[in-house]
Structures are given as C-alpha cells and as structure tokens.
C-alpha cells in the first residue's frame, strides 16, 4: 500500500526532473567552493606576511637578493601549478586558484621591493612609502591606471618599475595562455579516462552516463 504523502510528493515533480532522485550538492560545486576559499586564504596569507615580515632591516644587497629569490619562487610556483592543473579532476577551478596565487605573490613581491628600496635609498620615489603606499603603487602600476601621485625618481626605482611592467605583461599574456593549455590538457585527460573505461567494459552504467 503506497503512502499518500509520497504519492503527492512524486506527482508534484513534473517536467524534465520528474522521476529523478533528489541529489545533494554535487562534488564539483563543493570543489568550486574549496577552490575559491583556498585562493582567498592564499591571498590573505601573503598580504599578512607582507605586513608582518621585518622588511625594514635589509640593505640594498638584501633587497636585490629578496627580489631575485622572489621572482624564482614565482616561476617555481607557477610551474608546479601548471603540472597540478593538467592532473586535476577540476582543471578550470585549479587554474583560477593558480592564477590568483601567482598574481598575489607577484604583486606582494614588488611591493616589498619598493618598500625596501625606499628604506635603503630615501628619495627613490616622489614621497616616502609605507607598506600600504608601496602596495598601492604596485597595484596602480600593474593595472596601468597610473594616477601619478607616486612616481619613481631614482634610476633603480625606475628599473624596478620597468621590471614589474614587463612581468605584468608576461603574466597576463604568456602565463594566461600556459594556464589555458594546461586546462585543455586536463580536460582531454578526463575525456580519455571514461572512453578507456567504456572501451574495456569496466565502467559502470552510471559512470558512462556522466557528461
């Protein structure tokens, strides 16, 4: 004997969803939430480290070494992220997370370099730079807004600004293409997986029906 409440619930579901069991939040939706949360946490962590690290106690040599090591770290992180994207079950989400982490590290690196240069060589900029001022100058330079309220006066400062401009162009152009290629590689790898299981007869009907 059927339950009248169940019958009413089944009849109330009509249209293309009729006959389908109710589903909870899909794993890819959870993956999107986790990817966004991870990108936000990485950015917040880098900004917090920028404000907490003792950047005021380094000389010119230390500032140059910090910049070089930081640029190498950006390249290493980016290369590692490209490999992870190609093997990730959610390559698009992983690419967004990788771009956010690489961009945040790149901007924080140059903000620290500007702040150190202003401390070790006063007068390198049109006004003394606090950490917030240096980060503000980095963002305006990267976004090509260039309000003109803060400018580089020394030759070293202008070289740093040119390096950031060139790096920003590479990050937006070349790095975006590399990430897109890694995403396509990851998607091709996902498509080959179900095709191989279907050809060998090991895939379940539910797995073969997944898009």
N, C-alpha and C. Protein backbone atom coordinates (compact mmCIF):
# COMPACT_ATOMS: atom_id res chain seq x y z
N UNK A 1 0.85 -1.19 0.00
CA UNK A 1 0.00 0.00 0.00
C UNK A 1 0.88 1.24 0.00
N UNK A 2 0.67 2.10 -0.93
CA UNK A 2 1.53 3.26 -1.08
C UNK A 2 1.15 4.36 -0.09
N UNK A 3 2.12 5.14 0.28
CA UNK A 3 1.92 6.25 1.20
C UNK A 3 1.34 7.43 0.42
N UNK A 4 0.19 7.99 0.84
CA UNK A 4 -0.40 9.11 0.10
C UNK A 4 0.51 10.33 0.07
N UNK A 5 1.30 10.55 1.16
CA UNK A 5 2.21 11.69 1.17
C UNK A 5 3.29 11.52 0.12
N UNK A 6 3.81 10.28 -0.01
CA UNK A 6 4.84 10.02 -1.02
C UNK A 6 4.28 10.19 -2.41
N UNK A 7 3.05 9.74 -2.61
CA UNK A 7 2.42 9.88 -3.92
C UNK A 7 2.26 11.33 -4.31
N UNK A 8 1.86 12.17 -3.35
CA UNK A 8 1.71 13.58 -3.66
C UNK A 8 3.05 14.23 -3.97
N UNK A 9 4.11 13.81 -3.25
CA UNK A 9 5.43 14.38 -3.50
C UNK A 9 5.93 13.99 -4.88
N UNK A 10 5.65 12.71 -5.30
CA UNK A 10 6.10 12.27 -6.62
C UNK A 10 5.33 12.99 -7.71
N UNK A 11 4.00 13.20 -7.51
CA UNK A 11 3.21 13.86 -8.54
C UNK A 11 3.57 15.33 -8.66
N UNK A 12 4.08 15.93 -7.57
CA UNK A 12 4.42 17.35 -7.61
C UNK A 12 5.66 17.61 -8.43
N UNK A 13 6.46 16.58 -8.71
CA UNK A 13 7.67 16.75 -9.50
C UNK A 13 7.34 16.39 -10.94
N UNK A 14 7.24 17.38 -11.77
CA UNK A 14 6.91 17.17 -13.17
C UNK A 14 7.95 17.84 -14.03
N UNK A 15 7.88 17.59 -15.30
CA UNK A 15 8.82 18.20 -16.22
C UNK A 15 10.06 17.34 -16.39
N UNK A 16 11.19 17.95 -16.81
CA UNK A 16 12.40 17.16 -17.08
C UNK A 16 13.00 16.51 -15.85
N UNK A 17 12.69 17.04 -14.66
CA UNK A 17 13.25 16.44 -13.43
C UNK A 17 12.38 15.34 -12.87
N UNK A 18 11.21 15.05 -13.50
CA UNK A 18 10.33 14.01 -12.98
C UNK A 18 11.01 12.66 -13.06
N UNK A 19 10.91 11.88 -12.03
CA UNK A 19 11.49 10.55 -12.00
C UNK A 19 12.94 10.52 -11.57
N UNK A 20 13.58 11.66 -11.39
CA UNK A 20 14.96 11.68 -10.96
C UNK A 20 15.03 11.81 -9.44
N UNK A 21 15.92 11.07 -8.80
CA UNK A 21 16.05 11.19 -7.35
C UNK A 21 16.67 12.53 -6.98
N UNK A 22 16.25 13.02 -5.81
CA UNK A 22 16.82 14.27 -5.32
C UNK A 22 18.30 14.09 -5.02
N UNK A 23 19.11 15.07 -5.40
CA UNK A 23 20.55 14.99 -5.21
C UNK A 23 21.02 16.12 -4.30
N UNK A 24 22.05 15.82 -3.58
CA UNK A 24 22.67 16.84 -2.77
C UNK A 24 23.61 17.66 -3.64
N UNK A 25 24.30 18.59 -3.02
CA UNK A 25 25.23 19.44 -3.75
C UNK A 25 26.29 18.58 -4.42
N UNK A 26 26.50 18.79 -5.71
CA UNK A 26 27.42 17.96 -6.47
C UNK A 26 28.86 18.20 -6.02
N UNK A 27 29.72 17.18 -6.21
CA UNK A 27 31.12 17.34 -5.80
C UNK A 27 31.82 18.50 -6.48
N UNK A 28 31.46 18.77 -7.76
CA UNK A 28 32.14 19.87 -8.43
C UNK A 28 31.75 21.22 -7.84
N UNK A 29 30.53 21.30 -7.28
CA UNK A 29 30.14 22.54 -6.60
C UNK A 29 30.95 22.74 -5.33
N UNK A 30 31.14 21.64 -4.59
CA UNK A 30 32.00 21.73 -3.41
C UNK A 30 33.42 22.08 -3.82
N UNK A 31 33.89 21.52 -4.94
CA UNK A 31 35.24 21.83 -5.42
C UNK A 31 35.37 23.31 -5.73
N UNK A 32 34.32 23.91 -6.31
CA UNK A 32 34.36 25.35 -6.61
C UNK A 32 34.45 26.16 -5.33
N UNK A 33 33.68 25.77 -4.32
CA UNK A 33 33.72 26.48 -3.04
C UNK A 33 35.10 26.37 -2.41
N UNK A 34 35.68 25.16 -2.45
CA UNK A 34 37.00 24.95 -1.86
C UNK A 34 38.06 25.74 -2.62
N UNK A 35 37.96 25.76 -3.96
CA UNK A 35 38.96 26.49 -4.75
C UNK A 35 38.92 27.98 -4.46
N UNK A 36 37.72 28.55 -4.39
CA UNK A 36 37.60 29.98 -4.09
C UNK A 36 38.11 30.28 -2.68
N UNK A 37 37.74 29.45 -1.72
CA UNK A 37 38.19 29.66 -0.35
C UNK A 37 39.71 29.55 -0.25
N UNK A 38 40.28 28.59 -0.97
CA UNK A 38 41.73 28.43 -0.93
C UNK A 38 42.45 29.63 -1.56
N UNK A 39 41.91 30.14 -2.68
CA UNK A 39 42.52 31.31 -3.31
C UNK A 39 42.45 32.53 -2.39
N UNK A 40 41.33 32.70 -1.70
CA UNK A 40 41.20 33.83 -0.78
C UNK A 40 42.17 33.68 0.39
N UNK A 41 42.28 32.47 0.93
CA UNK A 41 43.19 32.25 2.05
C UNK A 41 44.65 32.48 1.66
N UNK A 42 45.03 32.05 0.45
CA UNK A 42 46.40 32.27 -0.01
C UNK A 42 46.69 33.76 -0.13
N UNK A 43 45.74 34.50 -0.72
CA UNK A 43 45.93 35.94 -0.89
C UNK A 43 46.03 36.64 0.46
N UNK A 44 45.12 36.29 1.37
CA UNK A 44 45.15 36.90 2.71
C UNK A 44 46.44 36.56 3.44
N UNK A 45 46.90 35.31 3.30
CA UNK A 45 48.15 34.91 3.94
C UNK A 45 49.36 35.66 3.41
N UNK A 46 49.41 35.88 2.09
CA UNK A 46 50.52 36.62 1.50
C UNK A 46 50.51 38.09 1.94
N UNK A 47 49.33 38.69 1.96
CA UNK A 47 49.23 40.08 2.41
C UNK A 47 49.62 40.20 3.88
N UNK A 48 49.17 39.25 4.71
CA UNK A 48 49.54 39.28 6.13
C UNK A 48 51.05 39.13 6.31
N UNK A 49 51.67 38.22 5.53
CA UNK A 49 53.12 38.05 5.61
C UNK A 49 53.84 39.32 5.18
N UNK A 50 53.30 40.01 4.19
CA UNK A 50 53.91 41.26 3.71
C UNK A 50 53.93 42.31 4.82
N UNK A 51 52.86 42.39 5.59
CA UNK A 51 52.79 43.39 6.66
C UNK A 51 53.54 42.95 7.93
N UNK A 52 53.76 41.65 8.10
CA UNK A 52 54.36 41.17 9.34
C UNK A 52 55.86 40.93 9.24
N UNK A 53 56.37 40.62 8.04
CA UNK A 53 57.79 40.34 7.90
C UNK A 53 58.62 41.59 8.16
N UNK A 54 59.81 41.45 8.78
CA UNK A 54 60.67 42.62 9.06
C UNK A 54 61.40 43.07 7.80
N UNK A 55 60.75 43.85 6.97
CA UNK A 55 61.35 44.32 5.72
C UNK A 55 62.18 45.58 5.90
N UNK A 56 62.21 46.16 7.07
CA UNK A 56 62.90 47.43 7.27
C UNK A 56 64.37 47.26 7.63
N UNK A 57 64.85 46.02 7.77
CA UNK A 57 66.19 45.81 8.29
C UNK A 57 67.16 45.27 7.25
N UNK A 58 66.84 45.39 5.99
CA UNK A 58 67.69 44.85 4.93
C UNK A 58 68.34 46.00 4.17
N UNK A 59 69.57 45.73 3.68
CA UNK A 59 70.26 46.72 2.86
C UNK A 59 69.95 46.52 1.39
N UNK A 60 70.72 47.21 0.55
CA UNK A 60 70.49 47.13 -0.89
C UNK A 60 70.75 45.73 -1.40
N UNK A 61 71.80 45.09 -0.91
CA UNK A 61 72.11 43.72 -1.35
C UNK A 61 71.00 42.77 -0.94
N UNK A 62 70.52 42.94 0.28
CA UNK A 62 69.42 42.09 0.74
C UNK A 62 68.16 42.30 -0.06
N UNK A 63 67.88 43.54 -0.43
CA UNK A 63 66.69 43.81 -1.24
C UNK A 63 66.80 43.18 -2.62
N UNK A 64 67.99 43.27 -3.22
CA UNK A 64 68.19 42.65 -4.54
C UNK A 64 68.06 41.13 -4.45
N UNK A 65 68.64 40.55 -3.41
CA UNK A 65 68.55 39.10 -3.24
C UNK A 65 67.10 38.68 -3.02
N UNK A 66 66.36 39.47 -2.25
CA UNK A 66 64.96 39.16 -1.99
C UNK A 66 64.15 39.19 -3.29
N UNK A 67 64.42 40.19 -4.13
CA UNK A 67 63.69 40.30 -5.40
C UNK A 67 64.00 39.12 -6.32
N UNK A 68 65.28 38.77 -6.43
CA UNK A 68 65.66 37.66 -7.31
C UNK A 68 65.07 36.35 -6.80
N UNK A 69 65.19 36.09 -5.51
CA UNK A 69 64.63 34.86 -4.94
C UNK A 69 63.12 34.83 -5.08
N UNK A 70 62.50 35.99 -4.92
CA UNK A 70 61.05 36.05 -5.07
C UNK A 70 60.60 35.75 -6.49
N UNK A 71 61.31 36.29 -7.48
CA UNK A 71 60.96 36.01 -8.87
C UNK A 71 61.14 34.53 -9.19
N UNK A 72 62.21 33.93 -8.67
CA UNK A 72 62.40 32.49 -8.86
C UNK A 72 61.28 31.70 -8.20
N UNK A 73 60.84 32.17 -7.03
CA UNK A 73 59.73 31.49 -6.35
C UNK A 73 58.45 31.59 -7.17
N UNK A 74 58.21 32.74 -7.79
CA UNK A 74 57.03 32.89 -8.64
C UNK A 74 57.07 31.89 -9.79
N UNK A 75 58.24 31.75 -10.44
CA UNK A 75 58.37 30.81 -11.55
C UNK A 75 58.18 29.37 -11.09
N UNK A 76 58.75 29.02 -9.94
CA UNK A 76 58.61 27.66 -9.43
C UNK A 76 57.16 27.34 -9.06
N UNK A 77 56.51 28.28 -8.39
CA UNK A 77 55.11 28.07 -8.03
C UNK A 77 54.24 27.93 -9.27
N UNK A 78 54.51 28.78 -10.26
CA UNK A 78 53.71 28.73 -11.49
C UNK A 78 53.92 27.41 -12.22
N UNK A 79 55.18 26.95 -12.32
CA UNK A 79 55.45 25.67 -12.98
C UNK A 79 54.79 24.50 -12.26
N UNK A 80 54.83 24.53 -10.94
CA UNK A 80 54.18 23.46 -10.17
C UNK A 80 52.67 23.48 -10.37
N UNK A 81 52.09 24.67 -10.40
CA UNK A 81 50.65 24.78 -10.58
C UNK A 81 50.22 24.28 -11.96
N UNK A 82 51.03 24.52 -12.99
CA UNK A 82 50.70 24.03 -14.32
C UNK A 82 50.63 22.50 -14.33
N UNK A 83 51.57 21.85 -13.68
CA UNK A 83 51.56 20.38 -13.60
C UNK A 83 50.34 19.88 -12.84
N UNK A 84 49.98 20.58 -11.77
CA UNK A 84 48.83 20.17 -10.97
C UNK A 84 47.53 20.34 -11.76
N UNK A 85 47.44 21.43 -12.53
CA UNK A 85 46.23 21.68 -13.32
C UNK A 85 45.99 20.55 -14.31
N UNK A 86 47.04 20.11 -15.00
CA UNK A 86 46.90 19.08 -16.02
C UNK A 86 46.44 17.75 -15.43
N UNK A 87 46.68 17.52 -14.14
CA UNK A 87 46.30 16.27 -13.50
C UNK A 87 45.10 16.41 -12.57
N UNK A 88 44.57 17.60 -12.45
CA UNK A 88 43.48 17.84 -11.51
C UNK A 88 42.14 17.36 -12.09
N UNK A 89 41.23 16.84 -11.25
CA UNK A 89 39.89 16.49 -11.74
C UNK A 89 39.04 17.71 -12.07
N UNK A 90 39.47 18.89 -11.61
CA UNK A 90 38.76 20.14 -11.89
C UNK A 90 39.78 21.16 -12.41
N UNK A 91 40.23 21.01 -13.64
CA UNK A 91 41.33 21.88 -14.13
C UNK A 91 40.96 23.35 -14.20
N UNK A 92 39.72 23.68 -14.53
CA UNK A 92 39.35 25.09 -14.62
C UNK A 92 39.43 25.77 -13.26
N UNK A 93 38.90 25.11 -12.25
CA UNK A 93 38.95 25.67 -10.90
C UNK A 93 40.38 25.79 -10.41
N UNK A 94 41.17 24.78 -10.70
CA UNK A 94 42.57 24.81 -10.28
C UNK A 94 43.34 25.93 -10.98
N UNK A 95 42.97 26.22 -12.24
CA UNK A 95 43.63 27.31 -12.97
C UNK A 95 43.31 28.66 -12.35
N UNK A 96 42.06 28.85 -11.94
CA UNK A 96 41.68 30.10 -11.27
C UNK A 96 42.47 30.26 -9.97
N UNK A 97 42.57 29.18 -9.22
CA UNK A 97 43.33 29.23 -7.97
C UNK A 97 44.80 29.51 -8.22
N UNK A 98 45.37 28.89 -9.26
CA UNK A 98 46.78 29.10 -9.58
C UNK A 98 47.04 30.53 -10.01
N UNK A 99 46.15 31.09 -10.83
CA UNK A 99 46.33 32.47 -11.28
C UNK A 99 46.24 33.45 -10.11
N UNK A 100 45.32 33.20 -9.19
CA UNK A 100 45.18 34.07 -8.02
C UNK A 100 46.43 34.01 -7.15
N UNK A 101 46.95 32.82 -6.91
CA UNK A 101 48.13 32.67 -6.06
C UNK A 101 49.36 33.30 -6.72
N UNK A 102 49.54 33.06 -8.02
CA UNK A 102 50.71 33.61 -8.71
C UNK A 102 50.64 35.13 -8.77
N UNK A 103 49.46 35.67 -9.06
CA UNK A 103 49.31 37.12 -9.14
C UNK A 103 49.55 37.78 -7.79
N UNK A 104 48.99 37.20 -6.74
CA UNK A 104 49.18 37.77 -5.40
C UNK A 104 50.66 37.75 -5.00
N UNK A 105 51.34 36.64 -5.27
CA UNK A 105 52.76 36.55 -4.93
C UNK A 105 53.58 37.55 -5.74
N UNK A 106 53.25 37.73 -7.00
CA UNK A 106 53.95 38.68 -7.86
C UNK A 106 53.80 40.11 -7.34
N UNK A 107 52.58 40.51 -7.00
CA UNK A 107 52.33 41.88 -6.54
C UNK A 107 52.97 42.13 -5.18
N UNK A 108 52.84 41.16 -4.27
CA UNK A 108 53.43 41.33 -2.94
C UNK A 108 54.95 41.43 -3.04
N UNK A 109 55.53 40.67 -3.96
CA UNK A 109 56.99 40.71 -4.14
C UNK A 109 57.46 42.10 -4.53
N UNK A 110 56.81 42.72 -5.51
CA UNK A 110 57.25 44.04 -5.94
C UNK A 110 56.90 45.12 -4.92
N UNK A 111 55.81 44.96 -4.22
CA UNK A 111 55.50 45.92 -3.15
C UNK A 111 56.60 45.90 -2.09
N UNK A 112 57.06 44.71 -1.72
CA UNK A 112 58.16 44.61 -0.76
C UNK A 112 59.44 45.21 -1.30
N UNK A 113 59.70 45.01 -2.59
CA UNK A 113 60.92 45.57 -3.19
C UNK A 113 60.87 47.10 -3.19
N UNK A 114 59.72 47.67 -3.51
CA UNK A 114 59.59 49.13 -3.49
C UNK A 114 59.78 49.68 -2.07
N UNK A 115 59.19 49.00 -1.11
CA UNK A 115 59.31 49.46 0.28
C UNK A 115 60.75 49.39 0.76
N UNK A 116 61.46 48.30 0.41
CA UNK A 116 62.86 48.16 0.81
C UNK A 116 63.73 49.21 0.13
N UNK A 117 63.47 49.46 -1.14
CA UNK A 117 64.26 50.47 -1.86
C UNK A 117 64.08 51.84 -1.24
N UNK A 118 62.86 52.18 -0.87
CA UNK A 118 62.61 53.48 -0.25
C UNK A 118 63.30 53.59 1.10
N UNK A 119 63.41 52.46 1.83
CA UNK A 119 64.07 52.49 3.14
C UNK A 119 65.58 52.60 2.99
N UNK A 120 66.16 51.88 2.02
CA UNK A 120 67.61 51.87 1.88
C UNK A 120 68.13 53.06 1.07
N UNK A 121 67.29 53.61 0.20
CA UNK A 121 67.70 54.76 -0.62
C UNK A 121 66.59 55.80 -0.61
N UNK A 122 66.49 56.59 0.45
CA UNK A 122 65.42 57.60 0.52
C UNK A 122 65.49 58.56 -0.67
N UNK A 123 64.32 58.96 -1.14
CA UNK A 123 64.24 59.83 -2.30
C UNK A 123 64.09 59.08 -3.61
N UNK A 124 64.03 57.73 -3.55
CA UNK A 124 63.85 56.96 -4.77
C UNK A 124 62.47 57.18 -5.38
N UNK A 125 61.52 57.61 -4.54
CA UNK A 125 60.16 57.87 -5.01
C UNK A 125 59.76 59.29 -4.65
N UNK A 126 58.69 59.75 -5.23
CA UNK A 126 58.27 61.14 -5.04
C UNK A 126 57.83 61.42 -3.61
N UNK A 127 57.58 60.39 -2.83
CA UNK A 127 57.22 60.55 -1.42
C UNK A 127 57.62 59.29 -0.68
N UNK A 128 57.84 59.37 0.62
CA UNK A 128 58.19 58.16 1.39
C UNK A 128 57.06 57.13 1.30
N UNK A 129 57.46 55.87 1.21
CA UNK A 129 56.49 54.80 1.01
C UNK A 129 56.33 53.98 2.28
N UNK A 130 55.15 53.95 2.83
CA UNK A 130 54.81 52.95 3.84
C UNK A 130 54.51 51.64 3.11
N UNK A 131 54.24 50.61 3.86
CA UNK A 131 53.91 49.34 3.21
C UNK A 131 52.62 49.45 2.40
N UNK A 132 51.67 50.17 2.94
CA UNK A 132 50.42 50.36 2.20
C UNK A 132 50.65 51.19 0.95
N UNK A 133 51.47 52.24 1.05
CA UNK A 133 51.79 53.05 -0.12
C UNK A 133 52.47 52.22 -1.20
N UNK A 134 53.40 51.35 -0.79
CA UNK A 134 54.11 50.52 -1.75
C UNK A 134 53.16 49.54 -2.44
N UNK A 135 52.25 48.96 -1.67
CA UNK A 135 51.27 48.05 -2.27
C UNK A 135 50.33 48.79 -3.20
N UNK A 136 49.94 49.99 -2.81
CA UNK A 136 49.08 50.82 -3.65
C UNK A 136 49.78 51.17 -4.96
N UNK A 137 51.05 51.56 -4.88
CA UNK A 137 51.82 51.89 -6.08
C UNK A 137 51.97 50.67 -6.98
N UNK A 138 52.16 49.49 -6.39
CA UNK A 138 52.28 48.26 -7.17
C UNK A 138 50.99 47.96 -7.92
N UNK A 139 49.86 48.10 -7.25
CA UNK A 139 48.58 47.80 -7.89
C UNK A 139 48.25 48.81 -8.99
N UNK A 140 48.54 50.09 -8.77
CA UNK A 140 48.26 51.08 -9.80
C UNK A 140 49.16 50.88 -11.02
N UNK A 141 50.39 50.45 -10.77
CA UNK A 141 51.29 50.17 -11.90
C UNK A 141 50.83 48.94 -12.66
N UNK A 142 50.45 47.88 -11.96
CA UNK A 142 50.02 46.66 -12.62
C UNK A 142 48.74 46.86 -13.42
N UNK A 143 47.82 47.64 -12.88
CA UNK A 143 46.55 47.87 -13.55
C UNK A 143 46.64 48.95 -14.63
N UNK A 144 47.83 49.53 -14.82
CA UNK A 144 48.10 50.58 -15.81
C UNK A 144 47.23 51.82 -15.56
N UNK A 145 46.75 52.00 -14.34
CA UNK A 145 45.98 53.21 -14.02
C UNK A 145 46.92 54.42 -13.95
N UNK A 146 47.98 54.29 -13.14
CA UNK A 146 48.98 55.33 -13.08
C UNK A 146 48.45 56.70 -12.73
N UNK A 147 47.98 56.86 -11.50
CA UNK A 147 47.43 58.15 -11.08
C UNK A 147 48.49 59.26 -11.09
N UNK A 148 49.74 58.91 -10.92
CA UNK A 148 50.79 59.92 -10.94
C UNK A 148 51.07 60.55 -9.59
N UNK A 149 50.36 60.14 -8.54
CA UNK A 149 50.61 60.71 -7.22
C UNK A 149 51.90 60.17 -6.62
N UNK A 150 52.30 58.95 -7.01
CA UNK A 150 53.58 58.37 -6.58
C UNK A 150 54.35 57.99 -7.84
N UNK A 151 55.57 58.47 -7.95
CA UNK A 151 56.40 58.15 -9.12
C UNK A 151 57.80 57.77 -8.67
N UNK A 152 58.46 56.99 -9.50
CA UNK A 152 59.85 56.59 -9.23
C UNK A 152 60.79 57.68 -9.74
N UNK A 153 61.72 58.12 -8.89
CA UNK A 153 62.65 59.18 -9.27
C UNK A 153 64.06 58.66 -9.53
N UNK A 154 64.49 57.69 -8.76
CA UNK A 154 65.85 57.17 -8.94
C UNK A 154 65.89 56.18 -10.11
N UNK A 155 67.11 55.95 -10.60
CA UNK A 155 67.28 55.00 -11.69
C UNK A 155 66.92 53.59 -11.25
N UNK A 156 67.29 53.23 -10.02
CA UNK A 156 66.96 51.90 -9.52
C UNK A 156 65.46 51.72 -9.41
N UNK A 157 64.77 52.74 -8.92
CA UNK A 157 63.32 52.65 -8.81
C UNK A 157 62.66 52.50 -10.16
N UNK A 158 63.15 53.22 -11.15
CA UNK A 158 62.56 53.11 -12.48
C UNK A 158 62.84 51.75 -13.12
N UNK A 159 64.01 51.20 -12.83
CA UNK A 159 64.30 49.85 -13.33
C UNK A 159 63.34 48.84 -12.72
N UNK A 160 63.08 48.98 -11.40
CA UNK A 160 62.13 48.09 -10.75
C UNK A 160 60.74 48.22 -11.36
N UNK A 161 60.32 49.44 -11.64
CA UNK A 161 59.00 49.65 -12.23
C UNK A 161 58.93 49.02 -13.62
N UNK A 162 60.01 49.16 -14.41
CA UNK A 162 60.03 48.54 -15.74
C UNK A 162 59.98 47.02 -15.64
N UNK A 163 60.68 46.47 -14.65
CA UNK A 163 60.62 45.02 -14.45
C UNK A 163 59.21 44.56 -14.11
N UNK A 164 58.53 45.35 -13.26
CA UNK A 164 57.16 44.97 -12.93
C UNK A 164 56.25 45.08 -14.15
N UNK A 165 56.42 46.11 -14.96
CA UNK A 165 55.60 46.26 -16.16
C UNK A 165 55.80 45.08 -17.11
N UNK A 166 57.08 44.72 -17.33
CA UNK A 166 57.36 43.59 -18.22
C UNK A 166 56.82 42.29 -17.64
N UNK A 167 57.02 42.09 -16.34
CA UNK A 167 56.50 40.89 -15.71
C UNK A 167 54.99 40.83 -15.73
N UNK A 168 54.33 41.98 -15.56
CA UNK A 168 52.87 42.00 -15.63
C UNK A 168 52.35 41.64 -17.01
N UNK A 169 53.02 42.12 -18.05
CA UNK A 169 52.61 41.76 -19.41
C UNK A 169 52.79 40.27 -19.65
N UNK A 170 53.90 39.71 -19.17
CA UNK A 170 54.12 38.27 -19.32
C UNK A 170 53.08 37.47 -18.53
N UNK A 171 52.76 37.96 -17.35
CA UNK A 171 51.80 37.25 -16.51
C UNK A 171 50.41 37.24 -17.15
N UNK A 172 50.01 38.37 -17.71
CA UNK A 172 48.69 38.46 -18.33
C UNK A 172 48.64 37.73 -19.66
N UNK A 173 49.71 37.83 -20.44
CA UNK A 173 49.72 37.23 -21.77
C UNK A 173 50.17 35.79 -21.80
N UNK A 174 51.47 35.58 -21.55
CA UNK A 174 52.05 34.25 -21.67
C UNK A 174 51.50 33.30 -20.61
N UNK A 175 51.47 33.74 -19.35
CA UNK A 175 51.02 32.86 -18.28
C UNK A 175 49.56 32.45 -18.47
N UNK A 176 48.72 33.38 -18.94
CA UNK A 176 47.32 33.03 -19.18
C UNK A 176 47.20 31.96 -20.27
N UNK A 177 48.03 32.07 -21.31
CA UNK A 177 48.00 31.05 -22.37
C UNK A 177 48.48 29.70 -21.86
N UNK A 178 49.53 29.72 -21.03
CA UNK A 178 50.04 28.45 -20.48
C UNK A 178 48.99 27.80 -19.59
N UNK A 179 48.30 28.59 -18.77
CA UNK A 179 47.25 28.03 -17.92
C UNK A 179 46.10 27.49 -18.76
N UNK A 180 45.74 28.20 -19.83
CA UNK A 180 44.68 27.71 -20.70
C UNK A 180 45.07 26.39 -21.36
N UNK A 181 46.33 26.26 -21.77
CA UNK A 181 46.79 25.00 -22.36
C UNK A 181 46.76 23.88 -21.32
N UNK A 182 47.13 24.20 -20.07
CA UNK A 182 47.09 23.18 -19.02
C UNK A 182 45.65 22.74 -18.74
N UNK A 183 44.71 23.69 -18.80
CA UNK A 183 43.30 23.34 -18.61
C UNK A 183 42.82 22.42 -19.72
N UNK A 184 43.18 22.72 -20.95
CA UNK A 184 42.78 21.87 -22.07
C UNK A 184 43.39 20.48 -21.95
N UNK A 185 44.64 20.41 -21.50
CA UNK A 185 45.27 19.11 -21.29
C UNK A 185 44.54 18.31 -20.21
N UNK A 186 44.15 18.99 -19.14
CA UNK A 186 43.40 18.31 -18.09
C UNK A 186 42.04 17.82 -18.57
N UNK A 187 41.36 18.61 -19.39
CA UNK A 187 40.05 18.20 -19.92
C UNK A 187 40.19 17.02 -20.87
N UNK A 188 41.23 17.03 -21.70
CA UNK A 188 41.46 15.89 -22.60
C UNK A 188 41.76 14.64 -21.80
N UNK A 189 42.50 14.78 -20.73
CA UNK A 189 42.81 13.62 -19.88
C UNK A 189 41.54 13.07 -19.24
N UNK A 190 40.62 13.96 -18.84
CA UNK A 190 39.35 13.49 -18.27
C UNK A 190 38.51 12.76 -19.31
N UNK A 191 38.49 13.25 -20.54
CA UNK A 191 37.69 12.61 -21.59
C UNK A 191 38.27 11.25 -21.97
N UNK A 192 39.59 11.12 -21.94
CA UNK A 192 40.20 9.84 -22.27
C UNK A 192 39.91 8.79 -21.21
N UNK A 193 39.77 9.23 -19.94
CA UNK A 193 39.51 8.26 -18.87
C UNK A 193 38.21 7.50 -19.05
N UNK A 194 37.04 8.17 -19.16
CA UNK A 194 35.78 7.45 -19.38
C UNK A 194 35.77 6.66 -20.68
N UNK A 195 36.44 7.19 -21.74
CA UNK A 195 36.46 6.47 -23.00
C UNK A 195 37.23 5.16 -22.86
N UNK A 196 38.33 5.18 -22.11
CA UNK A 196 39.10 3.95 -21.90
C UNK A 196 38.33 2.94 -21.07
N UNK A 197 37.60 3.43 -20.05
CA UNK A 197 36.82 2.50 -19.23
C UNK A 197 35.67 1.90 -20.02
N UNK A 198 35.04 2.73 -20.87
CA UNK A 198 33.95 2.21 -21.68
C UNK A 198 34.44 1.20 -22.70
N UNK A 199 35.63 1.44 -23.27
CA UNK A 199 36.16 0.50 -24.25
C UNK A 199 36.55 -0.82 -23.63
N UNK A 200 37.01 -0.80 -22.39
CA UNK A 200 37.39 -2.04 -21.72
C UNK A 200 36.23 -2.73 -21.05
N UNK A 201 35.06 -2.03 -20.97
CA UNK A 201 33.89 -2.64 -20.35
C UNK A 201 33.92 -2.62 -18.85
N UNK A 202 34.83 -1.85 -18.25
CA UNK A 202 34.94 -1.81 -16.78
C UNK A 202 34.12 -0.71 -16.16
N UNK A 203 33.65 0.25 -16.96
CA UNK A 203 32.89 1.36 -16.41
C UNK A 203 31.48 0.95 -16.07
N UNK A 204 30.94 1.50 -15.04
CA UNK A 204 29.56 1.22 -14.65
C UNK A 204 28.63 2.06 -15.50
N UNK A 205 27.34 1.68 -15.60
CA UNK A 205 26.41 2.49 -16.39
C UNK A 205 26.32 3.92 -15.91
N UNK A 206 26.37 4.12 -14.58
CA UNK A 206 26.29 5.48 -14.07
C UNK A 206 27.50 6.31 -14.48
N UNK A 207 28.71 5.67 -14.45
CA UNK A 207 29.91 6.38 -14.81
C UNK A 207 29.89 6.74 -16.29
N UNK A 208 29.38 5.80 -17.16
CA UNK A 208 29.36 6.07 -18.58
C UNK A 208 28.33 7.13 -18.93
N UNK A 209 27.32 7.30 -18.06
CA UNK A 209 26.29 8.29 -18.35
C UNK A 209 26.68 9.69 -17.93
N UNK A 210 27.76 9.81 -17.10
CA UNK A 210 28.18 11.13 -16.66
C UNK A 210 28.72 11.91 -17.83
N UNK A 211 28.43 13.22 -17.95
CA UNK A 211 28.96 14.03 -19.05
C UNK A 211 30.45 14.23 -18.90
